Amino acid sequence: MEAVIKTGGKQYIVKEGDHIQIEKTSFEVGSEIGFDDILLITDKDKVHTDSSKLKSFKVKAKVVSDDKGKKLKVFKFRRRKDSKTLNGHRQPYQTVEIVSIGK
């Protein structure tokens, strides 16, 4: 069984046992998350896309770890103004393991 979920403004295709990186949430490491925003579910030959039927499904996941992404350099430069700034940014993520997909 596969599902397409939406979290943090992004969509993910998930199966049971998958590890995915999502935007950081307020949940602690080791706690369970339930994803309510399900866009599509495939079950062998059937594909469920009707939003009224999808409300009965639930995707449960467990927070495995808190991570940070690669460091990005942000460089601003204004020509002929003798103005330049260099900043760095590391986006916080959470690694999540999909526990179950079902009703």
PDB file of N, CA and C in Angstrom:
ATOM      1  N   MET A   1       0.846  -1.170   0.000  1.00  0.00           N
ATOM      2  CA  MET A   1       0.000   0.000   0.000  1.00  0.00           C
ATOM      3  C   MET A   1       0.895   1.238   0.000  1.00  0.00           C
ATOM      4  N   GLU A   2       0.607   2.155  -0.900  1.00  0.00           N
ATOM      5  CA  GLU A   2       1.342   3.412  -1.008  1.00  0.00           C
ATOM      6  C   GLU A   2       0.389   4.573  -0.805  1.00  0.00           C
ATOM      7  N   ALA A   3       0.957   5.711  -0.375  1.00  0.00           N
ATOM      8  CA  ALA A   3       0.143   6.908  -0.178  1.00  0.00           C
ATOM      9  C   ALA A   3       0.947   8.126  -0.594  1.00  0.00           C
ATOM     10  N   VAL A   4       0.237   9.161  -0.985  1.00  0.00           N
ATOM     11  CA  VAL A   4       0.847  10.465  -1.243  1.00  0.00           C
ATOM     12  C   VAL A   4       0.334  11.392  -0.157  1.00  0.00           C
ATOM     13  N   ILE A   5       1.263  11.899   0.671  1.00  0.00           N
ATOM     14  CA  ILE A   5       0.884  12.788   1.771  1.00  0.00           C
ATOM     15  C   ILE A   5       1.460  14.172   1.519  1.00  0.00           C
ATOM     16  N   LYS A   6       0.865  15.149   2.185  1.00  0.00           N
ATOM     17  CA  LYS A   6       1.323  16.524   2.059  1.00  0.00           C
ATOM     18  C   LYS A   6       1.650  17.043   3.450  1.00  0.00           C
ATOM     19  N   THR A   7       2.875  17.529   3.635  1.00  0.00           N
ATOM     20  CA  THR A   7       3.288  18.127   4.893  1.00  0.00           C
ATOM     21  C   THR A   7       4.391  19.145   4.618  1.00  0.00           C
ATOM     22  N   GLY A   8       4.335  20.248   5.315  1.00  0.00           N
ATOM     23  CA  GLY A   8       5.355  21.274   5.137  1.00  0.00           C
ATOM     24  C   GLY A   8       5.363  21.899   3.762  1.00  0.00           C
ATOM     25  N   GLY A   9       4.215  21.883   3.072  1.00  0.00           N
ATOM     26  CA  GLY A   9       4.136  22.474   1.739  1.00  0.00           C
ATOM     27  C   GLY A   9       4.696  21.586   0.643  1.00  0.00           C
ATOM     28  N   LYS A  10       5.058  20.343   0.968  1.00  0.00           N
ATOM     29  CA  LYS A  10       5.616  19.425  -0.012  1.00  0.00           C
ATOM     30  C   LYS A  10       4.818  18.127  -0.014  1.00  0.00           C
ATOM     31  N   GLN A  11       4.915  17.383  -1.107  1.00  0.00           N
ATOM     32  CA  GLN A  11       4.213  16.111  -1.228  1.00  0.00           C
ATOM     33  C   GLN A  11       5.234  14.981  -1.262  1.00  0.00           C
ATOM     34  N   TYR A  12       4.900  13.868  -0.591  1.00  0.00           N
ATOM     35  CA  TYR A  12       5.796  12.726  -0.495  1.00  0.00           C
ATOM     36  C   TYR A  12       5.036  11.449  -0.849  1.00  0.00           C
ATOM     37  N   ILE A  13       5.686  10.556  -1.613  1.00  0.00           N
ATOM     38  CA  ILE A  13       5.149   9.216  -1.864  1.00  0.00           C
ATOM     39  C   ILE A  13       5.759   8.310  -0.807  1.00  0.00           C
ATOM     40  N   VAL A  14       4.919   7.638  -0.008  1.00  0.00           N
ATOM     41  CA  VAL A  14       5.423   6.837   1.103  1.00  0.00           C
ATOM     42  C   VAL A  14       4.838   5.426   1.071  1.00  0.00           C
ATOM     43  N   LYS A  15       5.614   4.489   1.616  1.00  0.00           N
ATOM     44  CA  LYS A  15       5.194   3.114   1.855  1.00  0.00           C
ATOM     45  C   LYS A  15       5.525   2.810   3.308  1.00  0.00           C
ATOM     46  N   GLU A  16       4.971   1.738   3.834  1.00  0.00           N
ATOM     47  CA  GLU A  16       5.285   1.340   5.200  1.00  0.00           C
ATOM     48  C   GLU A  16       6.760   0.980   5.292  1.00  0.00           C
ATOM     49  N   GLY A  17       7.417   1.485   6.325  1.00  0.00           N
ATOM     50  CA  GLY A  17       8.834   1.212   6.532  1.00  0.00           C
ATOM     51  C   GLY A  17       9.768   2.228   5.907  1.00  0.00           C
ATOM     52  N   ASP A  18       9.241   3.184   5.136  1.00  0.00           N
ATOM     53  CA  ASP A  18      10.083   4.214   4.512  1.00  0.00           C
ATOM     54  C   ASP A  18      10.581   5.214   5.542  1.00  0.00           C
ATOM     55  N   HIS A  19      11.769   5.755   5.303  1.00  0.00           N
ATOM     56  CA  HIS A  19      12.313   6.861   6.084  1.00  0.00           C
ATOM     57  C   HIS A  19      12.341   8.074   5.168  1.00  0.00           C
ATOM     58  N   ILE A  20      11.694   9.163   5.574  1.00  0.00           N
ATOM     59  CA  ILE A  20      11.685  10.382   4.774  1.00  0.00           C
ATOM     60  C   ILE A  20      12.112  11.560   5.637  1.00  0.00           C
ATOM     61  N   GLN A  21      12.611  12.602   4.992  1.00  0.00           N
ATOM     62  CA  GLN A  21      12.963  13.831   5.689  1.00  0.00           C
ATOM     63  C   GLN A  21      11.903  14.869   5.396  1.00  0.00           C
ATOM     64  N   ILE A  22      11.291  15.389   6.462  1.00  0.00           N
ATOM     65  CA  ILE A  22      10.243  16.408   6.325  1.00  0.00           C
ATOM     66  C   ILE A  22      10.700  17.676   7.014  1.00  0.00           C
ATOM     67  N   GLU A  23       9.967  18.758   6.783  1.00  0.00           N
ATOM     68  CA  GLU A  23      10.242  20.007   7.483  1.00  0.00           C
ATOM     69  C   GLU A  23      10.085  19.789   8.979  1.00  0.00           C
ATOM     70  N   LYS A  24      10.861  20.497   9.763  1.00  0.00           N
ATOM     71  CA  LYS A  24      10.838  20.321  11.222  1.00  0.00           C
ATOM     72  C   LYS A  24       9.467  20.664  11.781  1.00  0.00           C
ATOM     73  N   THR A  25       8.980  19.811  12.681  1.00  0.00           N
ATOM     74  CA  THR A  25       7.704  20.025  13.359  1.00  0.00           C
ATOM     75  C   THR A  25       7.956  20.181  14.850  1.00  0.00           C
ATOM     76  N   SER A  26       6.898  20.368  15.604  1.00  0.00           N
ATOM     77  CA  SER A  26       7.032  20.575  17.045  1.00  0.00           C
ATOM     78  C   SER A  26       7.090  19.264  17.823  1.00  0.00           C
ATOM     79  N   PHE A  27       7.041  18.115  17.135  1.00  0.00           N
ATOM     80  CA  PHE A  27       7.053  16.826  17.808  1.00  0.00           C
ATOM     81  C   PHE A  27       8.467  16.440  18.229  1.00  0.00           C
ATOM     82  N   GLU A  28       8.569  15.768  19.371  1.00  0.00           N
ATOM     83  CA  GLU A  28       9.850  15.324  19.908  1.00  0.00           C
ATOM     84  C   GLU A  28      10.283  14.019  19.225  1.00  0.00           C
ATOM     85  N   VAL A  29      11.565  13.689  19.369  1.00  0.00           N
ATOM     86  CA  VAL A  29      12.096  12.427  18.850  1.00  0.00           C
ATOM     87  C   VAL A  29      11.471  11.278  19.628  1.00  0.00           C
ATOM     88  N   GLY A  30      10.964  10.274  18.914  1.00  0.00           N
ATOM     89  CA  GLY A  30      10.327   9.122  19.533  1.00  0.00           C
ATOM     90  C   GLY A  30       8.810   9.199  19.574  1.00  0.00           C
ATOM     91  N   SER A  31       8.236  10.374  19.313  1.00  0.00           N
ATOM     92  CA  SER A  31       6.777  10.501  19.352  1.00  0.00           C
ATOM     93  C   SER A  31       6.168  10.103  18.008  1.00  0.00           C
ATOM     94  N   GLU A  32       4.857   9.852  18.031  1.00  0.00           N
ATOM     95  CA  GLU A  32       4.146   9.460  16.816  1.00  0.00           C
ATOM     96  C   GLU A  32       3.431  10.653  16.201  1.00  0.00           C
ATOM     97  N   ILE A  33       3.409  10.662  14.876  1.00  0.00           N
ATOM     98  CA  ILE A  33       2.736  11.714  14.104  1.00  0.00           C
ATOM     99  C   ILE A  33       1.663  11.045  13.263  1.00  0.00           C
ATOM    100  N   GLY A  34       0.531  11.701  13.121  1.00  0.00           N
ATOM    101  CA  GLY A  34      -0.507  11.239  12.207  1.00  0.00           C
ATOM    102  C   GLY A  34      -0.681  12.264  11.101  1.00  0.00           C
ATOM    103  N   PHE A  35      -0.513  11.838   9.860  1.00  0.00           N
ATOM    104  CA  PHE A  35      -0.682  12.741   8.718  1.00  0.00           C
ATOM    105  C   PHE A  35      -2.132  12.649   8.245  1.00  0.00           C
ATOM    106  N   ASP A  36      -2.835  13.772   8.283  1.00  0.00           N
ATOM    107  CA  ASP A  36      -4.238  13.809   7.895  1.00  0.00           C
ATOM    108  C   ASP A  36      -4.430  14.222   6.436  1.00  0.00           C
ATOM    109  N   ASP A  37      -3.479  14.968   5.905  1.00  0.00           N
ATOM    110  CA  ASP A  37      -3.610  15.495   4.545  1.00  0.00           C
ATOM    111  C   ASP A  37      -3.101  14.453   3.543  1.00  0.00           C
ATOM    112  N   ILE A  38      -3.982  13.499   3.187  1.00  0.00           N
ATOM    113  CA  ILE A  38      -3.642  12.418   2.266  1.00  0.00           C
ATOM    114  C   ILE A  38      -4.271  12.746   0.911  1.00  0.00           C
ATOM    115  N   LEU A  39      -3.465  12.683  -0.136  1.00  0.00           N
ATOM    116  CA  LEU A  39      -3.940  13.060  -1.463  1.00  0.00           C
ATOM    117  C   LEU A  39      -4.321  11.861  -2.316  1.00  0.00           C
ATOM    118  N   LEU A  40      -3.669  10.705  -2.095  1.00  0.00           N
ATOM    119  CA  LEU A  40      -3.907   9.543  -2.930  1.00  0.00           C
ATOM    120  C   LEU A  40      -3.459   8.297  -2.176  1.00  0.00           C
ATOM    121  N   ILE A  41      -4.184   7.186  -2.360  1.00  0.00           N
ATOM    122  CA  ILE A  41      -3.793   5.907  -1.787  1.00  0.00           C
ATOM    123  C   ILE A  41      -3.955   4.830  -2.857  1.00  0.00           C
ATOM    124  N   THR A  42      -2.917   4.011  -3.024  1.00  0.00           N
ATOM    125  CA  THR A  42      -2.997   2.880  -3.939  1.00  0.00           C
ATOM    126  C   THR A  42      -2.932   1.603  -3.114  1.00  0.00           C
ATOM    127  N   ASP A  43      -3.832   0.674  -3.415  1.00  0.00           N
ATOM    128  CA  ASP A  43      -3.892  -0.604  -2.724  1.00  0.00           C
ATOM    129  C   ASP A  43      -3.982  -1.691  -3.783  1.00  0.00           C
ATOM    130  N   LYS A  44      -2.846  -2.318  -4.101  1.00  0.00           N
ATOM    131  CA  LYS A  44      -2.718  -3.326  -5.154  1.00  0.00           C
ATOM    132  C   LYS A  44      -3.221  -2.761  -6.480  1.00  0.00           C
ATOM    133  N   ASP A  45      -4.466  -3.046  -6.858  1.00  0.00           N
ATOM    134  CA  ASP A  45      -4.983  -2.579  -8.145  1.00  0.00           C
ATOM    135  C   ASP A  45      -5.868  -1.344  -8.019  1.00  0.00           C
ATOM    136  N   LYS A  46      -6.298  -1.025  -6.795  1.00  0.00           N
ATOM    137  CA  LYS A  46      -7.224   0.089  -6.596  1.00  0.00           C
ATOM    138  C   LYS A  46      -6.465   1.380  -6.307  1.00  0.00           C
ATOM    139  N   VAL A  47      -7.000   2.480  -6.852  1.00  0.00           N
ATOM    140  CA  VAL A  47      -6.454   3.805  -6.588  1.00  0.00           C
ATOM    141  C   VAL A  47      -7.574   4.650  -6.017  1.00  0.00           C
ATOM    142  N   HIS A  48      -7.373   5.174  -4.798  1.00  0.00           N
ATOM    143  CA  HIS A  48      -8.376   6.001  -4.127  1.00  0.00           C
ATOM    144  C   HIS A  48      -7.941   7.462  -4.211  1.00  0.00           C
ATOM    145  N   THR A  49      -8.791   8.293  -4.839  1.00  0.00           N
ATOM    146  CA  THR A  49      -8.501   9.718  -4.925  1.00  0.00           C
ATOM    147  C   THR A  49      -9.649  10.573  -4.410  1.00  0.00           C
ATOM    148  N   ASP A  50     -10.787   9.961  -4.116  1.00  0.00           N
ATOM    149  CA  ASP A  50     -11.954  10.698  -3.643  1.00  0.00           C
ATOM    150  C   ASP A  50     -11.682  11.224  -2.229  1.00  0.00           C
ATOM    151  N   SER A  51     -11.792  12.525  -2.053  1.00  0.00           N
ATOM    152  CA  SER A  51     -11.427  13.140  -0.770  1.00  0.00           C
ATOM    153  C   SER A  51     -12.326  12.679   0.377  1.00  0.00           C
ATOM    154  N   SER A  52     -13.575  12.343   0.097  1.00  0.00           N
ATOM    155  CA  SER A  52     -14.456  11.877   1.171  1.00  0.00           C
ATOM    156  C   SER A  52     -14.037  10.494   1.668  1.00  0.00           C
ATOM    157  N   LYS A  53     -13.547   9.629   0.770  1.00  0.00           N
ATOM    158  CA  LYS A  53     -13.059   8.314   1.183  1.00  0.00           C
ATOM    159  C   LYS A  53     -11.693   8.398   1.840  1.00  0.00           C
ATOM    160  N   LEU A  54     -10.870   9.356   1.418  1.00  0.00           N
ATOM    161  CA  LEU A  54      -9.522   9.477   1.962  1.00  0.00           C
ATOM    162  C   LEU A  54      -9.521   9.973   3.407  1.00  0.00           C
ATOM    163  N   LYS A  55     -10.596  10.622   3.842  1.00  0.00           N
ATOM    164  CA  LYS A  55     -10.651  11.103   5.228  1.00  0.00           C
ATOM    165  C   LYS A  55     -10.674   9.962   6.231  1.00  0.00           C
ATOM    166  N   SER A  56     -11.104   8.770   5.804  1.00  0.00           N
ATOM    167  CA  SER A  56     -11.135   7.627   6.713  1.00  0.00           C
ATOM    168  C   SER A  56      -9.759   6.977   6.854  1.00  0.00           C
ATOM    169  N   PHE A  57      -8.830   7.261   5.936  1.00  0.00           N
ATOM    170  CA  PHE A  57      -7.488   6.686   6.004  1.00  0.00           C
ATOM    171  C   PHE A  57      -6.592   7.527   6.907  1.00  0.00           C
ATOM    172  N   LYS A  58      -5.554   6.890   7.450  1.00  0.00           N
ATOM    173  CA  LYS A  58      -4.624   7.562   8.340  1.00  0.00           C
ATOM    174  C   LYS A  58      -3.216   7.035   8.045  1.00  0.00           C
ATOM    175  N   VAL A  59      -2.253   7.930   7.990  1.00  0.00           N
ATOM    176  CA  VAL A  59      -0.853   7.549   7.848  1.00  0.00           C
ATOM    177  C   VAL A  59      -0.170   7.895   9.161  1.00  0.00           C
ATOM    178  N   LYS A  60       0.385   6.879   9.827  1.00  0.00           N
ATOM    179  CA  LYS A  60       1.050   7.084  11.113  1.00  0.00           C
ATOM    180  C   LYS A  60       2.548   6.938  10.919  1.00  0.00           C
ATOM    181  N   ALA A  61       3.289   7.822  11.593  1.00  0.00           N
ATOM    182  CA  ALA A  61       4.745   7.818  11.476  1.00  0.00           C
ATOM    183  C   ALA A  61       5.367   8.054  12.844  1.00  0.00           C
ATOM    184  N   LYS A  62       6.647   7.725  12.955  1.00  0.00           N
ATOM    185  CA  LYS A  62       7.393   7.904  14.195  1.00  0.00           C
ATOM    186  C   LYS A  62       8.608   8.771  13.898  1.00  0.00           C
ATOM    187  N   VAL A  63       8.853   9.789  14.738  1.00  0.00           N
ATOM    188  CA  VAL A  63       9.996  10.675  14.558  1.00  0.00           C
ATOM    189  C   VAL A  63      11.252   9.937  14.996  1.00  0.00           C
ATOM    190  N   VAL A  64      12.212   9.803  14.075  1.00  0.00           N
ATOM    191  CA  VAL A  64      13.444   9.071  14.360  1.00  0.00           C
ATOM    192  C   VAL A  64      14.540  10.011  14.845  1.00  0.00           C
ATOM    193  N   SER A  65      14.731  11.149  14.159  1.00  0.00           N
ATOM    194  CA  SER A  65      15.807  12.058  14.557  1.00  0.00           C
ATOM    195  C   SER A  65      15.545  13.466  14.038  1.00  0.00           C
ATOM    196  N   ASP A  66      16.246  14.423  14.652  1.00  0.00           N
ATOM    197  CA  ASP A  66      16.261  15.803  14.185  1.00  0.00           C
ATOM    198  C   ASP A  66      17.579  16.018  13.449  1.00  0.00           C
ATOM    199  N   ASP A  67      17.519  16.587  12.259  1.00  0.00           N
ATOM    200  CA  ASP A  67      18.709  16.775  11.431  1.00  0.00           C
ATOM    201  C   ASP A  67      18.749  18.201  10.909  1.00  0.00           C
ATOM    202  N   LYS A  68      19.892  18.524  10.299  1.00  0.00           N
ATOM    203  CA  LYS A  68      20.033  19.781   9.582  1.00  0.00           C
ATOM    204  C   LYS A  68      20.509  19.466   8.174  1.00  0.00           C
ATOM    205  N   GLY A  69      20.065  20.274   7.227  1.00  0.00           N
ATOM    206  CA  GLY A  69      20.463  20.079   5.842  1.00  0.00           C
ATOM    207  C   GLY A  69      21.861  20.603   5.582  1.00  0.00           C
ATOM    208  N   LYS A  70      22.257  20.542   4.330  1.00  0.00           N
ATOM    209  CA  LYS A  70      23.554  21.062   3.919  1.00  0.00           C
ATOM    210  C   LYS A  70      23.586  22.572   4.096  1.00  0.00           C
ATOM    211  N   LYS A  71      24.766  23.111   4.353  1.00  0.00           N
ATOM    212  CA  LYS A  71      24.893  24.555   4.516  1.00  0.00           C
ATOM    213  C   LYS A  71      24.814  25.234   3.150  1.00  0.00           C
ATOM    214  N   LEU A  72      23.961  26.231   3.062  1.00  0.00           N
ATOM    215  CA  LEU A  72      23.810  27.015   1.842  1.00  0.00           C
ATOM    216  C   LEU A  72      24.422  28.386   2.078  1.00  0.00           C
ATOM    217  N   LYS A  73      25.128  28.889   1.087  1.00  0.00           N
ATOM    218  CA  LYS A  73      25.705  30.223   1.180  1.00  0.00           C
ATOM    219  C   LYS A  73      24.799  31.205   0.458  1.00  0.00           C
ATOM    220  N   VAL A  74      24.482  32.293   1.146  1.00  0.00           N
ATOM    221  CA  VAL A  74      23.644  33.343   0.580  1.00  0.00           C
ATOM    222  C   VAL A  74      24.528  34.574   0.425  1.00  0.00           C
ATOM    223  N   PHE A  75      24.791  34.972  -0.816  1.00  0.00           N
ATOM    224  CA  PHE A  75      25.697  36.080  -1.093  1.00  0.00           C
ATOM    225  C   PHE A  75      24.921  37.202  -1.757  1.00  0.00           C
ATOM    226  N   LYS A  76      24.946  38.377  -1.136  1.00  0.00           N
ATOM    227  CA  LYS A  76      24.278  39.549  -1.709  1.00  0.00           C
ATOM    228  C   LYS A  76      25.355  40.533  -2.147  1.00  0.00           C
ATOM    229  N   PHE A  77      25.171  41.071  -3.349  1.00  0.00           N
ATOM    230  CA  PHE A  77      26.171  41.955  -3.924  1.00  0.00           C
ATOM    231  C   PHE A  77      25.469  43.081  -4.665  1.00  0.00           C
ATOM    232  N   ARG A  78      25.865  44.298  -4.363  1.00  0.00           N
ATOM    233  CA  ARG A  78      25.317  45.462  -5.058  1.00  0.00           C
ATOM    234  C   ARG A  78      26.463  46.124  -5.823  1.00  0.00           C
ATOM    235  N   ARG A  79      26.330  46.188  -7.106  1.00  0.00           N
ATOM    236  CA  ARG A  79      27.431  46.703  -7.912  1.00  0.00           C
ATOM    237  C   ARG A  79      27.643  48.203  -7.673  1.00  0.00           C
ATOM    238  N   ARG A  80      28.854  48.599  -7.709  1.00  0.00           N
ATOM    239  CA  ARG A  80      29.300  49.997  -7.569  1.00  0.00           C
ATOM    240  C   ARG A  80      28.911  50.610  -6.239  1.00  0.00           C
ATOM    241  N   LYS A  81      28.549  49.847  -5.232  1.00  0.00           N
ATOM    242  CA  LYS A  81      28.138  50.398  -3.942  1.00  0.00           C
ATOM    243  C   LYS A  81      29.097  49.978  -2.832  1.00  0.00           C
ATOM    244  N   ASP A  82      30.086  49.150  -3.142  1.00  0.00           N
ATOM    245  CA  ASP A  82      31.006  48.599  -2.150  1.00  0.00           C
ATOM    246  C   ASP A  82      30.223  47.926  -1.026  1.00  0.00           C
ATOM    247  N   SER A  83      29.215  47.150  -1.429  1.00  0.00           N
ATOM    248  CA  SER A  83      28.362  46.481  -0.452  1.00  0.00           C
ATOM    249  C   SER A  83      28.224  45.013  -0.824  1.00  0.00           C
ATOM    250  N   LYS A  84      28.684  44.159   0.075  1.00  0.00           N
ATOM    251  CA  LYS A  84      28.497  42.728  -0.115  1.00  0.00           C
ATOM    252  C   LYS A  84      28.347  42.062   1.240  1.00  0.00           C
ATOM    253  N   THR A  85      27.465  41.069   1.294  1.00  0.00           N
ATOM    254  CA  THR A  85      27.258  40.324   2.529  1.00  0.00           C
ATOM    255  C   THR A  85      27.229  38.840   2.200  1.00  0.00           C
ATOM    256  N   LEU A  86      27.767  38.028   3.111  1.00  0.00           N
ATOM    257  CA  LEU A  86      27.789  36.590   2.953  1.00  0.00           C
ATOM    258  C   LEU A  86      27.169  35.977   4.199  1.00  0.00           C
ATOM    259  N   ASN A  87      26.082  35.259   4.016  1.00  0.00           N
ATOM    260  CA  ASN A  87      25.406  34.579   5.120  1.00  0.00           C
ATOM    261  C   ASN A  87      25.295  33.102   4.803  1.00  0.00           C
ATOM    262  N   GLY A  88      25.124  32.307   5.835  1.00  0.00           N
ATOM    263  CA  GLY A  88      24.920  30.884   5.658  1.00  0.00           C
ATOM    264  C   GLY A  88      23.579  30.485   6.246  1.00  0.00           C
ATOM    265  N   HIS A  89      23.046  29.342   5.773  1.00  0.00           N
ATOM    266  CA  HIS A  89      21.755  28.866   6.264  1.00  0.00           C
ATOM    267  C   HIS A  89      21.751  27.350   6.233  1.00  0.00           C
ATOM    268  N   ARG A  90      21.272  26.712   7.333  1.00  0.00           N
ATOM    269  CA  ARG A  90      21.081  25.265   7.392  1.00  0.00           C
ATOM    270  C   ARG A  90      19.640  25.003   7.787  1.00  0.00           C
ATOM    271  N   GLN A  91      18.893  24.381   6.882  1.00  0.00           N
ATOM    272  CA  GLN A  91      17.472  24.127   7.106  1.00  0.00           C
ATOM    273  C   GLN A  91      17.293  22.960   8.072  1.00  0.00           C
ATOM    274  N   PRO A  92      16.476  23.116   9.122  1.00  0.00           N
ATOM    275  CA  PRO A  92      16.233  21.985  10.039  1.00  0.00           C
ATOM    276  C   PRO A  92      15.205  21.009   9.451  1.00  0.00           C
ATOM    277  N   TYR A  93      15.497  19.720   9.593  1.00  0.00           N
ATOM    278  CA  TYR A  93      14.632  18.644   9.112  1.00  0.00           C
ATOM    279  C   TYR A  93      14.373  17.646  10.229  1.00  0.00           C
ATOM    280  N   GLN A  94      13.405  16.780  10.015  1.00  0.00           N
ATOM    281  CA  GLN A  94      13.174  15.643  10.887  1.00  0.00           C
ATOM    282  C   GLN A  94      13.108  14.394  10.018  1.00  0.00           C
ATOM    283  N   THR A  95      13.790  13.351  10.460  1.00  0.00           N
ATOM    284  CA  THR A  95      13.697  12.062   9.782  1.00  0.00           C
ATOM    285  C   THR A  95      12.549  11.298  10.417  1.00  0.00           C
ATOM    286  N   VAL A  96      11.646  10.800   9.566  1.00  0.00           N
ATOM    287  CA  VAL A  96      10.416  10.163  10.029  1.00  0.00           C
ATOM    288  C   VAL A  96      10.328   8.772   9.398  1.00  0.00           C
ATOM    289  N   GLU A  97       9.926   7.776  10.196  1.00  0.00           N
ATOM    290  CA  GLU A  97       9.706   6.427   9.687  1.00  0.00           C
ATOM    291  C   GLU A  97       8.206   6.182   9.599  1.00  0.00           C
ATOM    292  N   ILE A  98       7.724   5.747   8.436  1.00  0.00           N
ATOM    293  CA  ILE A  98       6.304   5.471   8.240  1.00  0.00           C
ATOM    294  C   ILE A  98       5.979   4.130   8.903  1.00  0.00           C
ATOM    295  N   VAL A  99       5.075   4.147   9.894  1.00  0.00           N
ATOM    296  CA  VAL A  99       4.732   2.965  10.654  1.00  0.00           C
ATOM    297  C   VAL A  99       3.582   2.204  10.009  1.00  0.00           C
ATOM    298  N   SER A 100       2.504   2.923   9.677  1.00  0.00           N
ATOM    299  CA  SER A 100       1.345   2.226   9.102  1.00  0.00           C
ATOM    300  C   SER A 100       0.546   3.150   8.183  1.00  0.00           C
ATOM    301  N   ILE A 101      -0.085   2.514   7.217  1.00  0.00           N
ATOM    302  CA  ILE A 101      -1.017   3.210   6.314  1.00  0.00           C
ATOM    303  C   ILE A 101      -2.297   2.390   6.332  1.00  0.00           C
ATOM    304  N   GLY A 102      -3.395   2.991   6.744  1.00  0.00           N
ATOM    305  CA  GLY A 102      -4.638   2.250   6.783  1.00  0.00           C
ATOM    306  C   GLY A 102      -5.754   3.065   7.389  1.00  0.00           C
ATOM    307  N   LYS A 103      -6.844   2.355   7.713  1.00  0.00           N
ATOM    308  CA  LYS A 103      -8.021   3.027   8.262  1.00  0.00           C
ATOM    309  C   LYS A 103      -7.940   3.124   9.761  1.00  0.00           C
TER     310      LYS A 103
END
